[in-house]
Amino acid sequence: LCLLYLICFLDRTNIGNAKIAHLERDLGIDPKSFKYPATLIIFFVSYALFEALSNFLLKRWRPSRFIPVIMIIWGSCMLGMGFVKNWSGLMAARWFLGVAEAGLFPGVNYYLSCWYKRNEFGVRAAIFFSAAALAGSFGGLLAAGIQKMDGMRGIAGWAWIFIIEGSLTVFVGFISFFMVHDFPDEARFLSPQDRARVLLRLKNDNQSAARHEDFKWEYVWAAVRDWKTYNAMLIYMGSLMPLYSFSVFLPTIIQSMRFTSPDDIIKNQLLSVPPYALAAVLTVVVGFLSDRFQRRGVFIMGSAVVAAVGFVMLISSTNPAVQYAGTFLGAMGIYPPIPLTVVWVSNNVEGVYKRGIVLGMFIGWGNLNGVVSSVIYRSPPRYLEGHGTILAYLVVCLFGGSLLFATALRKENTRRRRGDRDGWVAGMTEAEMNELGDKRPDFLYTI
């Protein structure tokens, strides 16, 4: 699954590497026009629109079919981007890329949440998401190597980036038919004894994934009415928009620092590798510590502070060394909160369909904020407007989302421990209590 997401994020953000390899010049795009940001925006619009539906389709069509199919589709879109001749063709390819990629991130996190206990999910989600940081690191290395193919067979270097990475995606998509398994109650690689053991672990963790659940519309309304859905939207938008801005524009930001000549494309690509590599390591470490101490909010808030310091350095200094150091802190603080937010919300929402719908809703909303990331880096060489906007979003993540969420959950846990909610289940059978999901009085939230 890490490999699948590495490829997914690589395909999503490699347009940033293509940009400094003369994509705009060859497609006749005026750098001062709105056309390049529009190619970023159209991806996020289609991605967000189809994301909320993806977990429902994943549950109905099974992961072993759904995930490989969407991979082959988006790989084909990426491959096609290498042959576009104008801006309109690039826009069409980016739209369909967003449609196809929409199912992977929420789908895999939903899938993992149905396999592991709540206190095991953090590090696994972090390992999965660290692939996004590795994609940035690997993408810079790969783009630097592919750039040497510039002009081969009459094809530009930026086009080779799309062709090679798209071909790789299609290949892995076909292989994943044999790599991806279904949910615990349907996974064919488990023996009956192993399946019973997995389901018992989940049942002991009060997980609804331990029992079969048929779709009902009431699960949709339960997700829509739950205040946690909207608080999750605040946290996720506050961390995801900065991540998208950073991952797409880091090559451009580094190029503007002028460590090397702006025309030295390969060296500028390579300078983007170290911040991503460090971010990948820290994402896994923070996920491990979050599971170890069974705390989510404090690690999200701490990461947001680190990221904020990095962007303050980018805003306040004109020294290239200080600015480059700021990109390291920015990467270290931006990446860990993404998987932890998904884990935090998954830990605190019960019901197989309800959890899937909530994940689709807040992840979709977060990705819609990717539209903002597409238009804020338009004032070189300092990019103060872009860095300042990211700082504002980090404040929303820190105070408007994480601190508020942790405080509300802690207060509700206190009420449940006191027995204030016991009246909710008076006279109910065990089956009726199970239908309450995270509203069961004995369900304690993870803080």
Protein backbone atom coordinates (compact mmCIF):
# COMPACT_ATOMS: atom_id res chain seq x y z
CA LEU A 1 0.00 0.00 0.00
CA CYS A 2 2.94 2.34 0.66
CA LEU A 3 4.18 1.67 -2.87
CA LEU A 4 0.75 2.50 -4.29
CA TYR A 5 0.56 5.82 -2.44
CA LEU A 6 4.15 6.73 -3.30
CA ILE A 7 3.24 6.36 -6.96
CA CYS A 8 -0.05 8.21 -6.44
CA PHE A 9 1.60 11.23 -4.81
CA LEU A 10 4.44 11.17 -7.32
CA ASP A 11 1.93 11.37 -10.17
CA ARG A 12 0.00 14.13 -8.43
CA THR A 13 2.92 16.45 -7.73
CA ASN A 14 5.40 15.78 -10.55
CA ILE A 15 3.91 18.70 -12.44
CA GLY A 16 6.05 20.87 -10.12
CA ASN A 17 9.18 19.13 -11.43
CA ALA A 18 7.88 19.41 -14.99
CA LYS A 19 7.31 23.15 -14.55
CA ILE A 20 10.96 23.96 -13.96
CA ALA A 21 11.83 21.67 -16.91
CA HIS A 22 10.15 24.15 -19.33
CA LEU A 23 6.60 22.73 -19.41
CA GLU A 24 5.13 26.23 -19.67
CA ARG A 25 7.45 27.31 -22.47
CA ASP A 26 6.78 24.23 -24.62
CA LEU A 27 2.98 24.36 -24.22
CA GLY A 28 2.82 28.09 -24.87
CA ILE A 29 1.68 28.97 -21.34
CA ASP A 30 2.44 32.55 -20.27
CA PRO A 31 4.06 32.32 -16.79
CA LYS A 32 2.22 35.51 -15.80
CA SER A 33 -1.18 34.13 -16.80
CA PHE A 34 -3.56 32.05 -14.69
CA LYS A 35 -3.18 28.99 -16.90
CA TYR A 36 -0.60 27.08 -14.86
CA PRO A 37 -2.47 27.54 -11.54
CA ALA A 38 -5.63 26.43 -13.38
CA THR A 39 -4.00 23.07 -14.18
CA LEU A 40 -3.44 22.60 -10.44
CA ILE A 41 -6.92 23.77 -9.47
CA ILE A 42 -8.79 21.48 -11.85
CA PHE A 43 -7.10 18.45 -10.29
CA PHE A 44 -8.20 19.41 -6.78
CA VAL A 45 -11.77 20.15 -7.87
CA SER A 46 -12.32 16.74 -9.46
CA TYR A 47 -10.38 15.04 -6.64
CA ALA A 48 -12.55 16.60 -3.94
CA LEU A 49 -15.84 16.03 -5.79
CA PHE A 50 -15.31 12.30 -6.17
CA GLU A 51 -13.54 11.64 -2.87
CA ALA A 52 -16.66 11.54 -0.69
CA LEU A 53 -18.12 8.80 -2.92
CA SER A 54 -14.96 6.70 -3.01
CA ASN A 55 -15.28 4.84 0.31
CA PHE A 56 -18.84 3.81 -0.51
CA LEU A 57 -17.63 2.36 -3.83
CA LEU A 58 -14.66 0.71 -2.12
CA LYS A 59 -16.97 -1.06 0.31
CA ARG A 60 -19.38 -2.15 -2.42
CA TRP A 61 -16.81 -3.22 -5.06
CA ARG A 62 -14.12 -4.61 -2.70
CA PRO A 63 -10.57 -3.24 -2.35
CA SER A 64 -8.97 -6.03 -4.41
CA ARG A 65 -10.83 -4.76 -7.48
CA PHE A 66 -11.43 -1.07 -6.84
CA ILE A 67 -7.84 -0.02 -6.03
CA PRO A 68 -6.09 -1.72 -9.00
CA VAL A 69 -8.70 -0.40 -11.46
CA ILE A 70 -8.36 3.24 -10.38
CA MET A 71 -4.55 2.90 -10.49
CA ILE A 72 -4.61 1.76 -14.10
CA ILE A 73 -6.95 4.63 -14.99
CA TRP A 74 -4.86 7.37 -13.39
CA GLY A 75 -1.65 5.87 -14.76
CA SER A 76 -3.15 6.10 -18.24
CA CYS A 77 -4.03 9.76 -17.59
CA MET A 78 -0.47 10.45 -16.48
CA LEU A 79 0.94 8.69 -19.52
CA GLY A 80 -1.33 10.80 -21.73
CA MET A 81 0.01 14.00 -20.15
CA GLY A 82 3.36 13.24 -21.77
CA PHE A 83 1.80 13.62 -25.22
CA VAL A 84 -0.32 16.75 -24.75
CA LYS A 85 0.41 19.56 -27.19
CA ASN A 86 -1.40 22.46 -25.55
CA TRP A 87 -2.88 23.79 -22.31
CA SER A 88 -6.36 22.41 -23.03
CA GLY A 89 -5.03 18.87 -23.32
CA LEU A 90 -3.13 19.26 -20.05
CA MET A 91 -6.30 20.51 -18.32
CA ALA A 92 -8.34 17.52 -19.51
CA ALA A 93 -5.70 15.05 -18.37
CA ARG A 94 -5.43 16.70 -14.94
CA TRP A 95 -9.22 16.56 -14.47
CA PHE A 96 -9.40 12.82 -15.06
CA LEU A 97 -6.26 12.27 -12.99
CA GLY A 98 -8.10 13.81 -10.03
CA VAL A 99 -11.20 11.68 -10.62
CA ALA A 100 -9.19 8.45 -10.60
CA GLU A 101 -6.82 9.31 -7.74
CA ALA A 102 -9.71 10.38 -5.49
CA GLY A 103 -10.32 6.83 -4.31
CA LEU A 104 -6.88 5.87 -3.02
CA PHE A 105 -6.04 7.95 0.05
CA PRO A 106 -9.41 7.88 1.84
CA GLY A 107 -9.96 4.32 0.67
CA VAL A 108 -6.70 2.92 2.02
CA ASN A 109 -7.04 4.72 5.35
CA TYR A 110 -10.58 3.41 5.72
CA TYR A 111 -9.32 -0.04 4.75
CA LEU A 112 -6.50 0.04 7.32
CA SER A 113 -8.88 1.26 10.05
CA CYS A 114 -10.95 -1.89 9.46
CA TRP A 115 -7.93 -4.17 9.98
CA TYR A 116 -6.19 -2.74 13.06
CA LYS A 117 -7.08 -1.86 16.62
CA ARG A 118 -7.29 1.81 17.48
CA ASN A 119 -3.98 1.79 19.36
CA GLU A 120 -2.22 0.14 16.39
CA PHE A 121 -3.45 2.40 13.61
CA GLY A 122 -1.23 5.46 14.15
CA VAL A 123 2.15 4.07 13.15
CA ARG A 124 0.66 2.12 10.24
CA ALA A 125 -1.09 5.18 8.83
CA ALA A 126 2.15 7.13 9.31
CA ILE A 127 4.19 4.51 7.45
CA PHE A 128 1.60 4.58 4.67
CA PHE A 129 1.63 8.38 4.43
CA SER A 130 5.42 8.63 4.67
CA ALA A 131 5.26 7.48 1.06
CA ALA A 132 4.05 11.00 0.20
CA ALA A 133 7.27 12.50 1.55
CA LEU A 134 9.31 9.77 -0.10
CA ALA A 135 7.50 10.61 -3.34
CA GLY A 136 8.80 14.16 -3.08
CA SER A 137 12.32 12.91 -2.40
CA PHE A 138 12.21 10.17 -5.02
CA GLY A 139 10.44 12.49 -7.45
CA GLY A 140 13.29 14.97 -7.31
CA LEU A 141 15.86 12.25 -7.94
CA LEU A 142 13.81 10.69 -10.72
CA ALA A 143 13.10 14.02 -12.38
CA ALA A 144 16.79 14.89 -12.29
CA GLY A 145 17.64 11.61 -14.01
CA ILE A 146 14.82 11.80 -16.54
CA GLN A 147 15.77 15.37 -17.43
CA LYS A 148 18.91 13.94 -19.04
CA MET A 149 16.58 12.34 -21.62
CA ASP A 150 15.52 15.79 -22.81
CA GLY A 151 15.22 15.70 -26.60
CA MET A 152 15.44 11.93 -26.91
CA ARG A 153 13.15 10.78 -29.75
CA GLY A 154 12.11 14.40 -30.11
CA ILE A 155 10.36 14.40 -26.72
CA ALA A 156 11.01 17.08 -24.08
CA GLY A 157 12.37 16.20 -20.64
CA TRP A 158 9.16 17.22 -18.83
CA ALA A 159 7.14 14.94 -21.13
CA TRP A 160 9.44 12.02 -20.34
CA ILE A 161 8.68 12.59 -16.63
CA PHE A 162 4.97 12.00 -17.30
CA ILE A 163 5.51 9.11 -19.73
CA ILE A 164 7.88 7.11 -17.55
CA GLU A 165 6.01 7.67 -14.29
CA GLY A 166 2.64 6.98 -15.96
CA SER A 167 3.92 3.73 -17.45
CA LEU A 168 5.20 2.68 -14.02
CA THR A 169 1.78 3.36 -12.49
CA VAL A 170 -0.06 1.24 -15.06
CA PHE A 171 2.41 -1.61 -14.53
CA VAL A 172 2.01 -1.53 -10.74
CA GLY A 173 -1.77 -1.25 -11.16
CA PHE A 174 -1.89 -4.61 -12.93
CA ILE A 175 0.40 -6.19 -10.32
CA SER A 176 -1.78 -4.86 -7.49
CA PHE A 177 -4.61 -7.19 -8.54
CA PHE A 178 -2.46 -9.81 -6.79
CA MET A 179 -1.23 -7.55 -3.96
CA VAL A 180 -4.38 -5.96 -2.51
CA HIS A 181 -6.67 -8.00 -0.27
CA ASP A 182 -10.23 -7.43 0.94
CA PHE A 183 -11.68 -6.56 4.36
CA PRO A 184 -11.11 -9.00 7.27
CA ASP A 185 -14.48 -10.73 6.94
CA GLU A 186 -13.85 -11.40 3.22
CA ALA A 187 -10.05 -11.71 2.89
CA ARG A 188 -9.27 -14.94 1.05
CA PHE A 189 -5.69 -15.27 2.29
CA LEU A 190 -6.95 -15.83 5.87
CA SER A 191 -7.87 -19.28 7.10
CA PRO A 192 -11.21 -19.54 8.98
CA GLN A 193 -9.26 -19.66 12.26
CA ASP A 194 -7.17 -16.59 11.40
CA ARG A 195 -10.26 -14.69 10.25
CA ALA A 196 -12.01 -15.45 13.55
CA ARG A 197 -8.91 -14.29 15.44
CA VAL A 198 -8.72 -10.99 13.54
CA LEU A 199 -12.42 -10.29 14.03
CA LEU A 200 -12.20 -11.12 17.74
CA ARG A 201 -9.36 -8.60 18.18
CA LEU A 202 -11.48 -5.93 16.57
CA LYS A 203 -14.55 -6.86 18.61
CA ASN A 204 -12.57 -6.57 21.84
CA ASP A 205 -11.58 -3.07 20.69
CA ASN A 206 -15.27 -2.14 20.23
CA GLN A 207 -14.73 -1.99 16.46
CA SER A 208 -17.75 -2.28 14.19
CA ALA A 209 -15.47 -3.79 11.53
CA ALA A 210 -15.73 -7.00 13.56
CA ARG A 211 -19.29 -7.53 12.40
CA HIS A 212 -21.07 -7.37 9.06
CA GLU A 213 -23.02 -4.18 8.44
CA ASP A 214 -25.47 -3.55 5.60
CA PHE A 215 -25.72 -0.06 4.16
CA LYS A 216 -28.48 2.16 5.52
CA TRP A 217 -29.11 5.81 4.72
CA GLU A 218 -29.20 6.55 8.44
CA TYR A 219 -25.42 6.05 8.45
CA VAL A 220 -25.08 8.94 5.99
CA TRP A 221 -27.22 11.23 8.14
CA ALA A 222 -25.30 10.16 11.26
CA ALA A 223 -22.05 11.27 9.57
CA VAL A 224 -23.56 14.56 8.40
CA ARG A 225 -24.99 15.37 11.85
CA ASP A 226 -21.85 14.51 13.82
CA TRP A 227 -19.98 17.60 15.03
CA LYS A 228 -16.71 15.67 14.82
CA THR A 229 -17.01 15.63 11.02
CA TYR A 230 -16.79 19.42 10.83
CA ASN A 231 -14.08 19.76 13.46
CA ALA A 232 -12.06 17.24 11.45
CA MET A 233 -12.52 19.44 8.38
CA LEU A 234 -10.86 22.35 10.21
CA ILE A 235 -7.88 20.28 11.31
CA TYR A 236 -7.39 18.63 7.96
CA MET A 237 -7.70 21.75 5.82
CA GLY A 238 -5.25 23.49 8.16
CA SER A 239 -2.58 20.89 7.50
CA LEU A 240 -3.33 19.64 3.98
CA MET A 241 -3.33 22.94 2.10
CA PRO A 242 0.19 23.74 3.38
CA LEU A 243 1.33 20.26 2.37
CA TYR A 244 0.01 20.59 -1.19
CA SER A 245 1.54 24.04 -1.59
CA PHE A 246 4.87 22.80 -0.28
CA SER A 247 4.98 19.60 -2.33
CA VAL A 248 4.03 21.27 -5.63
CA PHE A 249 6.04 24.48 -5.30
CA LEU A 250 9.15 23.38 -3.37
CA PRO A 251 11.25 23.02 -6.57
CA THR A 252 10.18 26.53 -7.60
CA ILE A 253 10.85 27.95 -4.11
CA ILE A 254 14.33 26.42 -4.04
CA GLN A 255 15.04 27.65 -7.56
CA SER A 256 14.24 31.21 -6.42
CA MET A 257 16.84 30.94 -3.61
CA ARG A 258 19.53 30.85 -6.33
CA PHE A 259 21.89 28.36 -4.72
CA THR A 260 22.66 27.51 -8.33
CA SER A 261 21.74 29.02 -11.66
CA PRO A 262 17.95 28.85 -12.27
CA ASP A 263 18.82 27.15 -15.55
CA ASP A 264 20.62 24.32 -13.73
CA ILE A 265 17.48 22.20 -13.59
CA ILE A 266 19.11 18.99 -12.35
CA LYS A 267 20.78 20.60 -9.31
CA ASN A 268 17.59 22.44 -8.37
CA GLN A 269 15.65 19.16 -8.57
CA LEU A 270 18.20 17.44 -6.31
CA LEU A 271 18.05 20.18 -3.66
CA SER A 272 14.40 19.29 -3.05
CA VAL A 273 15.31 15.73 -2.01
CA PRO A 274 16.71 16.16 1.57
CA PRO A 275 13.70 17.99 3.14
CA TYR A 276 11.35 15.28 1.89
CA ALA A 277 13.62 12.47 3.12
CA LEU A 278 13.75 13.94 6.63
CA ALA A 279 9.97 14.46 6.61
CA ALA A 280 9.41 10.79 5.73
CA VAL A 281 11.49 9.61 8.69
CA LEU A 282 9.85 12.03 11.14
CA THR A 283 6.35 11.08 9.98
CA VAL A 284 6.96 7.45 10.98
CA VAL A 285 8.63 8.42 14.28
CA VAL A 286 5.73 10.69 15.27
CA GLY A 287 3.22 7.99 14.31
CA PHE A 288 5.06 5.46 16.50
CA LEU A 289 5.16 7.85 19.47
CA SER A 290 1.48 8.67 19.00
CA ASP A 291 0.60 4.98 19.31
CA ARG A 292 3.04 4.50 22.18
CA PHE A 293 1.48 7.25 24.29
CA GLN A 294 -2.04 6.94 22.84
CA ARG A 295 -2.23 10.66 22.16
CA ARG A 296 -3.03 12.23 18.80
CA GLY A 297 -3.82 15.90 19.35
CA VAL A 298 -0.62 16.92 21.14
CA PHE A 299 1.53 15.50 18.33
CA ILE A 300 -0.53 17.28 15.66
CA MET A 301 -0.24 20.58 17.53
CA GLY A 302 3.49 20.14 18.13
CA SER A 303 4.08 19.43 14.44
CA ALA A 304 2.09 22.51 13.42
CA VAL A 305 4.32 24.68 15.63
CA VAL A 306 7.48 23.26 14.00
CA ALA A 307 6.06 23.96 10.53
CA ALA A 308 5.10 27.50 11.55
CA VAL A 309 8.68 28.21 12.67
CA GLY A 310 9.94 27.01 9.29
CA PHE A 311 7.67 29.33 7.34
CA VAL A 312 8.52 32.26 9.62
CA MET A 313 12.16 31.66 8.63
CA LEU A 314 11.19 31.69 4.95
CA ILE A 315 9.30 34.98 5.40
CA SER A 316 11.76 36.83 7.62
CA SER A 317 15.12 36.02 5.99
CA THR A 318 16.67 36.67 2.61
CA ASN A 319 19.66 34.45 3.40
CA PRO A 320 19.42 31.35 1.16
CA ALA A 321 20.90 29.09 3.87
CA VAL A 322 18.30 30.22 6.43
CA GLN A 323 15.51 29.84 3.87
CA TYR A 324 16.67 26.36 2.94
CA ALA A 325 16.77 25.40 6.63
CA GLY A 326 13.21 26.72 6.85
CA THR A 327 12.12 24.24 4.18
CA PHE A 328 13.40 21.41 6.39
CA LEU A 329 11.34 22.59 9.38
CA GLY A 330 8.37 23.17 7.11
CA ALA A 331 8.54 19.62 5.79
CA MET A 332 9.09 18.17 9.28
CA GLY A 333 5.98 19.92 10.57
CA ILE A 334 3.64 19.57 7.61
CA TYR A 335 3.75 15.85 6.89
CA PRO A 336 3.13 14.14 10.29
CA PRO A 337 -0.28 15.78 11.01
CA ILE A 338 -1.91 14.36 7.87
CA PRO A 339 -1.93 10.66 8.86
CA LEU A 340 -2.44 11.52 12.53
CA THR A 341 -5.58 13.52 11.72
CA VAL A 342 -6.99 10.60 9.73
CA VAL A 343 -6.14 8.22 12.59
CA TRP A 344 -7.55 10.56 15.24
CA VAL A 345 -10.89 10.87 13.50
CA SER A 346 -11.02 7.15 12.62
CA ASN A 347 -10.36 6.29 16.28
CA ASN A 348 -13.32 8.39 17.34
CA VAL A 349 -15.96 7.44 14.75
CA GLU A 350 -17.60 4.02 14.98
CA GLY A 351 -19.71 2.21 12.41
CA VAL A 352 -18.22 0.79 9.22
CA TYR A 353 -20.23 2.95 6.82
CA LYS A 354 -20.35 6.02 9.05
CA ARG A 355 -16.57 6.02 9.43
CA GLY A 356 -16.09 5.64 5.69
CA ILE A 357 -18.46 8.52 4.96
CA VAL A 358 -16.88 10.82 7.57
CA LEU A 359 -13.41 10.08 6.18
CA GLY A 360 -14.59 10.82 2.66
CA MET A 361 -16.22 14.09 3.74
CA PHE A 362 -13.37 15.66 5.68
CA ILE A 363 -10.63 14.40 3.36
CA GLY A 364 -12.63 15.70 0.39
CA TRP A 365 -13.01 19.10 2.04
CA GLY A 366 -9.30 19.20 2.81
CA ASN A 367 -8.45 18.46 -0.79
CA LEU A 368 -10.83 21.14 -2.03
CA ASN A 369 -8.57 23.57 -0.17
CA GLY A 370 -5.87 22.42 -2.55
CA VAL A 371 -7.42 25.00 -4.87
CA VAL A 372 -5.98 27.67 -2.57
CA SER A 373 -2.54 26.07 -2.74
CA SER A 374 -2.62 26.43 -6.52
CA VAL A 375 -2.81 30.22 -6.56
CA ILE A 376 -0.83 31.56 -3.58
CA TYR A 377 2.72 31.19 -4.96
CA ARG A 378 2.59 33.88 -7.63
CA SER A 379 4.96 36.56 -6.29
CA PRO A 380 8.61 35.54 -6.82
CA PRO A 381 11.26 35.57 -5.56
CA ARG A 382 10.23 35.83 -1.86
CA TYR A 383 6.72 34.36 -2.21
CA LEU A 384 5.62 36.19 0.95
CA GLU A 385 1.94 35.88 0.08
CA GLY A 386 2.23 32.11 -0.21
CA HIS A 387 4.22 31.60 2.98
CA GLY A 388 1.87 33.91 4.91
CA THR A 389 -1.22 32.03 3.73
CA ILE A 390 0.31 28.75 4.86
CA LEU A 391 1.00 30.26 8.30
CA ALA A 392 -2.66 31.26 8.59
CA TYR A 393 -3.78 27.73 7.74
CA LEU A 394 -1.40 26.28 10.33
CA VAL A 395 -3.01 28.51 12.97
CA VAL A 396 -6.41 27.09 11.97
CA CYS A 397 -5.01 23.56 12.32
CA LEU A 398 -3.48 24.34 15.71
CA PHE A 399 -6.19 26.36 17.46
CA GLY A 400 -9.35 26.19 15.37
CA GLY A 401 -9.14 22.43 14.99
CA SER A 402 -6.78 20.39 17.14
CA LEU A 403 -7.04 22.27 20.44
CA LEU A 404 -10.82 22.56 20.13
CA PHE A 405 -11.20 18.87 19.22
CA ALA A 406 -9.01 17.63 22.09
CA THR A 407 -10.81 19.81 24.64
CA ALA A 408 -14.27 18.69 23.51
CA LEU A 409 -13.34 14.99 23.50
CA ARG A 410 -11.75 15.21 26.94
CA LYS A 411 -14.89 16.79 28.40
CA GLU A 412 -17.12 14.12 26.82
CA ASN A 413 -14.92 11.34 28.21
CA THR A 414 -15.29 12.86 31.68
CA ARG A 415 -19.08 12.81 31.35
CA ARG A 416 -19.07 9.18 30.21
CA ARG A 417 -16.80 8.07 33.04
CA ARG A 418 -19.15 9.79 35.52
CA GLY A 419 -22.08 7.87 34.08
CA ASP A 420 -23.85 10.95 32.72
CA ARG A 421 -24.59 9.13 29.42
CA ASP A 422 -25.74 5.79 30.86
CA GLY A 423 -29.35 6.79 30.37
CA TRP A 424 -28.86 6.59 26.59
CA VAL A 425 -28.81 2.78 26.71
CA ALA A 426 -31.40 2.11 29.39
CA GLY A 427 -33.53 -0.87 28.31
CA MET A 428 -31.50 -1.52 25.13
CA THR A 429 -30.32 -4.94 23.97
CA GLU A 430 -26.64 -5.53 23.13
CA ALA A 431 -27.46 -5.38 19.41
CA GLU A 432 -29.23 -2.04 19.85
CA MET A 433 -26.27 -0.69 21.83
CA ASN A 434 -23.92 -1.72 19.03
CA GLU A 435 -25.96 0.37 16.61
CA LEU A 436 -25.04 3.47 18.64
CA GLY A 437 -21.41 3.18 17.53
CA ASP A 438 -19.32 5.95 19.12
CA LYS A 439 -22.36 7.16 21.08
CA ARG A 440 -22.20 4.09 23.34
CA PRO A 441 -21.55 5.34 26.91
CA ASP A 442 -18.68 2.86 27.29
CA PHE A 443 -16.93 4.15 24.14
CA LEU A 444 -14.14 6.48 25.25
CA TYR A 445 -12.60 8.88 22.77
CA THR A 446 -8.89 8.95 21.93
CA ILE A 447 -7.41 12.35 22.75
